[in-house]
Amino acid sequence: MLGKRPNGELTVTRRKALEGAVAVGTFVALRSGRAYSADWQSGAGSKWSETLAAARKEGRVVIAGRAGLAKPLSEAFKRDTGLELDFLEGNGAEQTSRVKLELQAGKVTIDGLLGGAANTDLIAPGLVEPIKDRLMLPGVTNPASWQDGDIKWLDNAKKYMPIPSETVVGWPVVNARLVPSGSLRSWQNLLSPQYTGKIAMFDPRILGAGQAVAAYLVEILGFEYLRKILIDQKATLTRDARQLVEWVARGSYSVGLGAIQSNVERLKDAGLDVRVDDLEDGHGFLLGGNSVMWIPKGPPHPNATTVFANWYLSQPAQEIYARADLSFSRRTDVSADFLPDYIRPKPNLQYFDQYRETWYVEARPKLQKMILDAFGGR
């Protein structure tokens, strides 16, 4: 039986997966302070001035994204541009569904979305507008502004969906009292009897952190390893990101898979004994989180959308986003000093990169089917 608790019932909670990340993300932003580069428009030409003037006539831009970003982004956007930002907080899947319906009806009300990588299917039918064509600020287009000398793009064409921020994920979070330091060195260690019934995991049957970890484990160790974790080791599943880490912190489980860094840091700040271990046979993988921006075809405020896209990829906005989301900005002028070490990409390590159009369009659907076929429905 899959993921059973001691009472024999399948443990899959129904609360939203990202509950709890909001408050801690905002707290980190306020606690850490915000660096601000007043010259983010430096070198902008007449085309930018004309676009900004046209945007001010439109008055506002409407952007959808995850909870916890509305206040810091809206205040800073108003400060920097004089424009209003109507930021719609909510569930990414629901926001995407809304935009898809609006696209079908030919009446789009949202100018842009900040989300994950699950919207690549909109590119081929021409339902996404190029962002690259809108970028005009030297501070954004200059290769020196970015890690590896360029903006990173989710899409193969490298013009629709920029990834300005990413983190290393996939690591196990452990109870430091139950798992002595240095004892968990390999993913293979989790197959030992001492971890049977002691592993909790974010549900891999739905799109999210658990499925991302499952994909990573299959990539480096094969599908049979994932089967052993879920079936032989009797991993308990949850769809509540906060609960996953709290289970580990309380000692209900020794190890958690698919944890979100904001929840880990929240409990560490509270003095609880949780730790992230780096395993020698798999250091984690890269995700762009909710940082990916895309523009649906025919945004209602086209000039303001262009201004937002340039601003969002600039230093001030990315400094705010990185602190609010607790993620690593790919801009070279955004500090990472406030981030926990385990989510920072290391230059000497290789990471599996899931935020690629090819992987999401071709590999992920196959993996999702394999998981559902092997471990049951949603």
Protein backbone atom coordinates (compact mmCIF):
# COMPACT_ATOMS: atom_id res chain seq x y z
CA MET A 1 0.00 0.00 0.00
CA LEU A 2 1.24 3.49 -0.77
CA GLY A 3 2.14 6.09 1.83
CA LYS A 4 0.27 4.69 4.81
CA ARG A 5 0.22 6.17 8.27
CA PRO A 6 0.35 3.90 11.35
CA ASN A 7 -3.46 3.70 11.24
CA GLY A 8 -3.26 2.31 7.70
CA GLU A 9 -4.81 5.31 5.93
CA LEU A 10 -3.27 6.95 2.90
CA THR A 11 -1.99 10.35 3.98
CA VAL A 12 -2.71 13.01 1.36
CA THR A 13 -3.76 16.34 2.81
CA ARG A 14 -6.00 18.73 0.87
CA ARG A 15 -4.70 22.09 1.95
CA LYS A 16 -2.91 24.21 -0.62
CA ALA A 17 0.67 23.15 -1.23
CA LEU A 18 2.25 26.53 -0.82
CA GLU A 19 0.46 27.62 2.33
CA GLY A 20 2.93 29.06 4.78
CA ALA A 21 5.48 30.20 2.23
CA VAL A 22 3.82 33.60 1.94
CA ALA A 23 4.38 34.97 5.43
CA VAL A 24 7.96 33.80 5.71
CA GLY A 25 8.85 35.18 2.28
CA THR A 26 7.58 38.62 3.21
CA PHE A 27 9.32 38.38 6.59
CA VAL A 28 12.65 37.59 4.93
CA ALA A 29 12.27 40.62 2.66
CA LEU A 30 11.58 42.94 5.56
CA ARG A 31 14.23 41.45 7.81
CA SER A 32 16.97 41.57 5.20
CA GLY A 33 16.34 45.04 3.79
CA ARG A 34 16.39 45.89 0.10
CA ALA A 35 19.23 47.18 -1.96
CA TYR A 36 18.06 49.70 -4.54
CA SER A 37 19.75 50.76 -7.77
CA ALA A 38 18.33 54.13 -8.77
CA ASP A 39 20.04 54.01 -12.18
CA TRP A 40 18.14 51.00 -13.51
CA GLN A 41 17.03 53.10 -16.51
CA SER A 42 20.54 54.34 -17.21
CA GLY A 43 21.32 54.56 -20.93
CA ALA A 44 17.71 54.23 -22.03
CA GLY A 45 17.02 55.98 -25.32
CA SER A 46 14.13 57.88 -26.82
CA LYS A 47 12.17 54.69 -27.54
CA TRP A 48 12.07 53.95 -23.82
CA SER A 49 10.93 57.47 -23.00
CA GLU A 50 8.16 57.20 -25.58
CA THR A 51 7.07 53.80 -24.24
CA LEU A 52 7.06 55.06 -20.66
CA ALA A 53 4.97 58.09 -21.64
CA ALA A 54 2.48 55.86 -23.48
CA ALA A 55 2.36 53.51 -20.50
CA ARG A 56 1.50 56.38 -18.18
CA LYS A 57 -1.47 57.18 -20.39
CA GLU A 58 -2.61 53.56 -19.97
CA GLY A 59 -2.15 54.10 -16.24
CA ARG A 60 -1.57 50.61 -14.98
CA VAL A 61 -0.48 47.05 -15.68
CA VAL A 62 -2.16 43.85 -14.45
CA ILE A 63 0.15 41.01 -13.42
CA ALA A 64 -0.75 37.68 -11.81
CA GLY A 65 1.56 35.69 -9.56
CA ARG A 66 1.99 33.83 -6.31
CA ALA A 67 0.91 35.18 -2.95
CA GLY A 68 3.32 37.38 -1.03
CA LEU A 69 4.56 39.45 -3.97
CA ALA A 70 1.79 42.03 -4.39
CA LYS A 71 2.82 44.56 -1.77
CA PRO A 72 6.61 44.68 -2.33
CA LEU A 73 6.40 44.65 -6.14
CA SER A 74 3.50 47.09 -6.40
CA GLU A 75 5.09 49.64 -4.09
CA ALA A 76 8.46 49.47 -5.84
CA PHE A 77 6.96 49.59 -9.36
CA LYS A 78 5.02 52.72 -8.44
CA ARG A 79 8.15 54.26 -6.93
CA ASP A 80 10.29 53.56 -9.98
CA THR A 81 7.86 54.18 -12.85
CA GLY A 82 4.91 56.16 -11.50
CA LEU A 83 2.61 53.40 -12.80
CA GLU A 84 0.10 51.37 -10.84
CA LEU A 85 0.68 47.63 -10.62
CA ASP A 86 -2.48 45.58 -10.05
CA PHE A 87 -0.93 42.37 -8.80
CA LEU A 88 -3.36 39.44 -8.64
CA GLU A 89 -2.21 36.92 -6.06
CA GLY A 90 -3.37 33.34 -6.35
CA ASN A 91 -2.81 29.75 -7.38
CA GLY A 92 -0.71 29.45 -10.53
CA ALA A 93 -2.80 26.70 -12.13
CA GLU A 94 -6.01 28.62 -11.55
CA GLN A 95 -4.51 31.82 -12.94
CA THR A 96 -3.31 30.02 -16.05
CA SER A 97 -6.73 28.43 -16.55
CA ARG A 98 -8.33 31.86 -16.34
CA VAL A 99 -5.99 33.30 -18.96
CA LYS A 100 -6.56 30.33 -21.27
CA LEU A 101 -10.31 30.91 -21.10
CA GLU A 102 -9.80 34.62 -21.76
CA LEU A 103 -7.60 33.82 -24.76
CA GLN A 104 -10.31 31.55 -26.17
CA ALA A 105 -12.89 34.27 -25.68
CA GLY A 106 -10.62 36.91 -27.24
CA LYS A 107 -10.85 39.15 -24.18
CA VAL A 108 -7.64 39.08 -22.14
CA THR A 109 -7.66 41.08 -18.88
CA ILE A 110 -4.23 40.11 -17.54
CA ASP A 111 -1.07 41.63 -19.04
CA GLY A 112 1.45 39.14 -17.74
CA LEU A 113 1.99 36.22 -15.38
CA LEU A 114 4.80 35.23 -13.05
CA GLY A 115 4.75 31.50 -12.53
CA GLY A 116 6.36 28.17 -13.19
CA ALA A 117 7.17 26.17 -16.27
CA ALA A 118 3.86 24.49 -16.98
CA ASN A 119 2.70 27.01 -19.60
CA THR A 120 5.02 26.05 -22.42
CA ASP A 121 2.14 24.43 -24.30
CA LEU A 122 0.87 27.93 -25.09
CA ILE A 123 3.92 28.84 -27.15
CA ALA A 124 3.36 26.62 -30.21
CA PRO A 125 -0.21 27.83 -30.92
CA GLY A 126 0.97 31.44 -30.74
CA LEU A 127 -0.79 32.39 -27.52
CA VAL A 128 2.30 33.91 -25.89
CA GLU A 129 3.93 37.17 -27.00
CA PRO A 130 7.73 37.49 -27.18
CA ILE A 131 9.26 39.31 -24.25
CA LYS A 132 12.71 39.59 -25.78
CA ASP A 133 11.38 41.97 -28.45
CA ARG A 134 10.21 44.32 -25.67
CA LEU A 135 13.51 44.52 -23.79
CA MET A 136 15.34 47.80 -24.38
CA LEU A 137 17.14 48.86 -21.19
CA PRO A 138 20.94 48.41 -21.26
CA GLY A 139 20.85 47.19 -17.67
CA VAL A 140 18.63 44.32 -18.80
CA THR A 141 20.07 43.45 -22.21
CA ASN A 142 23.75 43.77 -21.22
CA PRO A 143 25.24 40.22 -21.02
CA ALA A 144 27.35 41.29 -18.03
CA SER A 145 24.17 41.75 -16.00
CA TRP A 146 23.51 38.01 -16.01
CA GLN A 147 25.10 34.81 -14.80
CA ASP A 148 26.67 32.89 -17.72
CA GLY A 149 26.52 36.08 -19.80
CA ASP A 150 22.86 35.97 -20.85
CA ILE A 151 19.25 35.96 -19.72
CA LYS A 152 18.16 32.39 -19.19
CA TRP A 153 15.04 31.35 -21.10
CA LEU A 154 12.63 28.50 -20.50
CA ASP A 155 11.58 28.25 -24.13
CA ASN A 156 13.72 26.82 -26.92
CA ALA A 157 13.39 29.99 -29.00
CA LYS A 158 14.82 32.04 -26.11
CA LYS A 159 12.40 34.91 -26.38
CA TYR A 160 9.09 34.10 -24.65
CA MET A 161 9.71 33.06 -21.03
CA PRO A 162 12.74 34.45 -19.14
CA ILE A 163 13.93 32.78 -15.93
CA PRO A 164 15.52 35.55 -13.85
CA SER A 165 15.74 33.54 -10.64
CA GLU A 166 16.47 29.91 -9.78
CA THR A 167 17.44 27.75 -6.84
CA VAL A 168 18.87 24.33 -6.09
CA VAL A 169 16.12 22.02 -4.85
CA GLY A 170 15.64 18.29 -4.43
CA TRP A 171 17.69 18.00 -1.25
CA PRO A 172 16.39 16.00 1.71
CA VAL A 173 15.42 17.89 4.87
CA VAL A 174 16.11 15.86 8.00
CA ASN A 175 15.45 15.93 11.72
CA ALA A 176 18.87 16.69 13.17
CA ARG A 177 18.15 14.75 16.37
CA LEU A 178 17.15 11.58 14.51
CA VAL A 179 19.68 11.74 11.67
CA PRO A 180 23.23 12.35 12.99
CA SER A 181 25.36 14.74 10.94
CA GLY A 182 27.27 12.87 8.23
CA SER A 183 25.22 9.68 8.49
CA LEU A 184 23.07 10.40 5.43
CA ARG A 185 25.62 10.64 2.65
CA SER A 186 23.92 8.91 -0.29
CA TRP A 187 20.45 8.56 -1.73
CA GLN A 188 20.98 4.82 -1.39
CA ASN A 189 21.10 5.25 2.39
CA LEU A 190 17.38 6.04 2.34
CA LEU A 191 16.69 2.45 1.29
CA SER A 192 18.08 1.06 4.54
CA PRO A 193 15.65 -0.44 7.11
CA GLN A 194 16.16 2.44 9.55
CA TYR A 195 14.24 4.74 7.20
CA THR A 196 11.32 2.39 6.52
CA GLY A 197 8.18 4.29 7.50
CA LYS A 198 10.30 7.33 8.38
CA ILE A 199 10.17 9.19 5.04
CA ALA A 200 7.60 11.85 4.20
CA MET A 201 7.24 13.20 0.68
CA PHE A 202 5.28 15.86 -1.14
CA ASP A 203 2.79 13.97 -3.29
CA PRO A 204 4.47 13.22 -6.66
CA ARG A 205 1.16 12.46 -8.37
CA ILE A 206 0.36 16.15 -8.77
CA LEU A 207 2.30 18.96 -10.42
CA GLY A 208 4.58 20.53 -7.83
CA ALA A 209 7.58 19.98 -5.61
CA GLY A 210 6.97 16.25 -5.14
CA GLN A 211 6.72 15.54 -8.84
CA ALA A 212 9.86 17.58 -9.45
CA VAL A 213 11.79 15.55 -6.88
CA ALA A 214 10.38 12.31 -8.30
CA ALA A 215 11.56 13.33 -11.78
CA TYR A 216 15.01 14.08 -10.42
CA LEU A 217 15.29 10.73 -8.63
CA VAL A 218 14.19 8.91 -11.77
CA GLU A 219 16.72 10.88 -13.80
CA ILE A 220 19.71 10.01 -11.59
CA LEU A 221 18.71 6.65 -10.08
CA GLY A 222 15.94 5.20 -12.23
CA PHE A 223 12.22 4.55 -11.75
CA GLU A 224 12.85 1.47 -9.62
CA TYR A 225 14.48 3.66 -6.97
CA LEU A 226 11.37 5.85 -6.78
CA ARG A 227 9.21 2.73 -6.48
CA LYS A 228 11.31 1.51 -3.56
CA ILE A 229 10.99 4.83 -1.75
CA LEU A 230 7.22 4.97 -2.16
CA ILE A 231 6.34 1.29 -1.78
CA ASP A 232 9.13 -0.59 0.04
CA GLN A 233 10.01 2.29 2.35
CA LYS A 234 6.34 3.18 2.86
CA ALA A 235 6.78 6.92 2.29
CA THR A 236 3.90 9.01 3.61
CA LEU A 237 2.51 11.60 1.20
CA THR A 238 1.19 15.08 1.81
CA ARG A 239 0.03 17.97 -0.35
CA ASP A 240 0.79 20.52 2.34
CA ALA A 241 4.27 22.06 2.08
CA ARG A 242 4.17 23.43 5.62
CA GLN A 243 3.06 20.10 7.10
CA LEU A 244 5.87 18.22 5.36
CA VAL A 245 8.61 20.17 7.13
CA GLU A 246 6.72 20.30 10.44
CA TRP A 247 6.44 16.50 10.44
CA VAL A 248 10.21 16.30 10.14
CA ALA A 249 10.82 19.01 12.73
CA ARG A 250 8.56 17.25 15.27
CA GLY A 251 10.26 13.91 14.65
CA SER A 252 7.18 12.21 13.19
CA TYR A 253 9.44 11.44 10.23
CA SER A 254 13.22 11.47 9.95
CA VAL A 255 13.43 12.70 6.35
CA GLY A 256 11.29 14.88 4.09
CA LEU A 257 11.47 14.98 0.28
CA GLY A 258 10.07 17.87 -1.76
CA ALA A 259 10.40 20.56 0.92
CA ILE A 260 10.32 24.29 0.12
CA GLN A 261 13.19 26.37 1.46
CA SER A 262 10.98 29.05 3.00
CA ASN A 263 9.35 26.49 5.26
CA VAL A 264 12.72 25.02 6.23
CA GLU A 265 14.09 28.45 7.14
CA ARG A 266 10.95 29.36 9.06
CA LEU A 267 11.41 26.39 11.39
CA LYS A 268 15.17 26.88 11.65
CA ASP A 269 14.55 30.48 12.70
CA ALA A 270 12.15 29.13 15.33
CA GLY A 271 14.99 27.04 16.77
CA LEU A 272 13.76 23.64 15.62
CA ASP A 273 16.20 20.87 14.72
CA VAL A 274 15.85 20.65 10.95
CA ARG A 275 18.81 20.37 8.60
CA VAL A 276 19.36 20.06 4.86
CA ASP A 277 21.85 17.40 3.76
CA ASP A 278 23.88 17.45 0.55
CA LEU A 279 24.17 13.90 -0.83
CA GLU A 280 27.31 12.93 -2.68
CA ASP A 281 25.52 10.99 -5.46
CA GLY A 282 23.04 13.76 -6.28
CA HIS A 283 23.36 17.41 -5.24
CA GLY A 284 19.92 18.51 -6.41
CA PHE A 285 18.44 20.15 -9.48
CA LEU A 286 17.58 23.65 -10.70
CA LEU A 287 14.12 25.18 -10.71
CA GLY A 288 13.08 28.68 -11.64
CA GLY A 289 10.27 28.58 -9.10
CA ASN A 290 7.59 31.17 -9.78
CA SER A 291 9.95 33.66 -11.41
CA VAL A 292 9.15 32.87 -15.06
CA MET A 293 7.34 35.73 -16.78
CA TRP A 294 5.10 35.35 -19.82
CA ILE A 295 2.72 37.63 -21.69
CA PRO A 296 -0.56 36.33 -23.16
CA LYS A 297 -1.36 37.39 -26.70
CA GLY A 298 -2.98 40.83 -26.83
CA PRO A 299 -2.35 42.27 -23.35
CA PRO A 300 -4.78 45.09 -22.51
CA HIS A 301 -2.00 47.52 -21.51
CA PRO A 302 0.75 46.83 -24.07
CA ASN A 303 3.04 49.75 -23.24
CA ALA A 304 2.74 49.29 -19.49
CA THR A 305 3.45 45.60 -20.04
CA THR A 306 6.68 46.50 -21.82
CA VAL A 307 7.66 48.80 -18.96
CA PHE A 308 6.93 46.09 -16.41
CA ALA A 309 8.93 43.47 -18.33
CA ASN A 310 11.99 45.73 -18.41
CA TRP A 311 11.57 46.72 -14.79
CA TYR A 312 10.96 43.15 -13.61
CA LEU A 313 14.25 42.01 -15.14
CA SER A 314 16.14 45.01 -13.74
CA GLN A 315 18.22 45.12 -10.56
CA PRO A 316 15.69 46.77 -8.20
CA ALA A 317 12.87 44.36 -9.02
CA GLN A 318 15.06 41.28 -8.92
CA GLU A 319 16.50 42.31 -5.57
CA ILE A 320 12.97 42.51 -4.20
CA TYR A 321 11.86 39.26 -5.82
CA ALA A 322 14.89 37.30 -4.60
CA ARG A 323 14.30 38.36 -1.01
CA ALA A 324 10.52 37.88 -1.07
CA ASP A 325 10.79 34.47 -2.74
CA LEU A 326 14.02 33.40 -1.01
CA SER A 327 15.61 32.50 -4.34
CA PHE A 328 18.88 33.02 -6.19
CA SER A 329 18.75 35.81 -8.76
CA ARG A 330 20.64 35.18 -11.98
CA ARG A 331 21.53 38.87 -12.13
CA THR A 332 25.16 39.52 -11.25
CA ASP A 333 24.31 42.70 -9.33
CA VAL A 334 21.81 41.13 -6.90
CA SER A 335 23.24 39.94 -3.61
CA ALA A 336 22.88 36.31 -2.53
CA ASP A 337 24.37 36.86 0.94
CA PHE A 338 21.00 36.48 2.63
CA LEU A 339 20.31 33.05 1.11
CA PRO A 340 20.93 29.71 2.82
CA ASP A 341 23.89 27.96 1.22
CA TYR A 342 21.99 24.83 0.21
CA ILE A 343 19.86 26.64 -2.41
CA ARG A 344 22.74 28.47 -4.12
CA PRO A 345 24.04 26.85 -7.32
CA LYS A 346 27.72 25.93 -6.93
CA PRO A 347 29.94 26.64 -9.95
CA ASN A 348 31.81 23.34 -9.62
CA LEU A 349 28.73 21.11 -9.55
CA GLN A 350 26.46 19.80 -12.30
CA TYR A 351 22.71 20.13 -11.77
CA PHE A 352 19.82 18.58 -13.63
CA ASP A 353 17.79 21.46 -15.13
CA GLN A 354 14.06 20.83 -15.35
CA TYR A 355 13.10 24.34 -16.45
CA ARG A 356 13.40 23.65 -20.17
CA GLU A 357 10.63 23.64 -22.74
CA THR A 358 11.71 20.28 -24.18
CA TRP A 359 11.61 18.61 -20.77
CA TYR A 360 8.17 19.99 -19.90
CA VAL A 361 6.60 19.24 -23.27
CA GLU A 362 8.15 15.81 -23.88
CA ALA A 363 9.60 14.24 -20.73
CA ARG A 364 7.28 15.43 -17.96
CA PRO A 365 4.01 14.04 -19.42
CA LYS A 366 5.61 10.61 -19.80
CA LEU A 367 6.92 10.67 -16.24
CA GLN A 368 3.56 11.84 -14.91
CA LYS A 369 1.83 8.92 -16.63
CA MET A 370 4.36 6.46 -15.23
CA ILE A 371 3.79 7.74 -11.70
CA LEU A 372 0.00 7.64 -11.96
CA ASP A 373 0.04 4.17 -13.55
CA ALA A 374 2.37 2.81 -10.86
CA PHE A 375 1.04 4.51 -7.74
CA GLY A 376 -2.60 5.28 -8.37
CA GLY A 377 -4.67 8.27 -9.30
CA ARG A 378 -4.72 11.79 -7.98
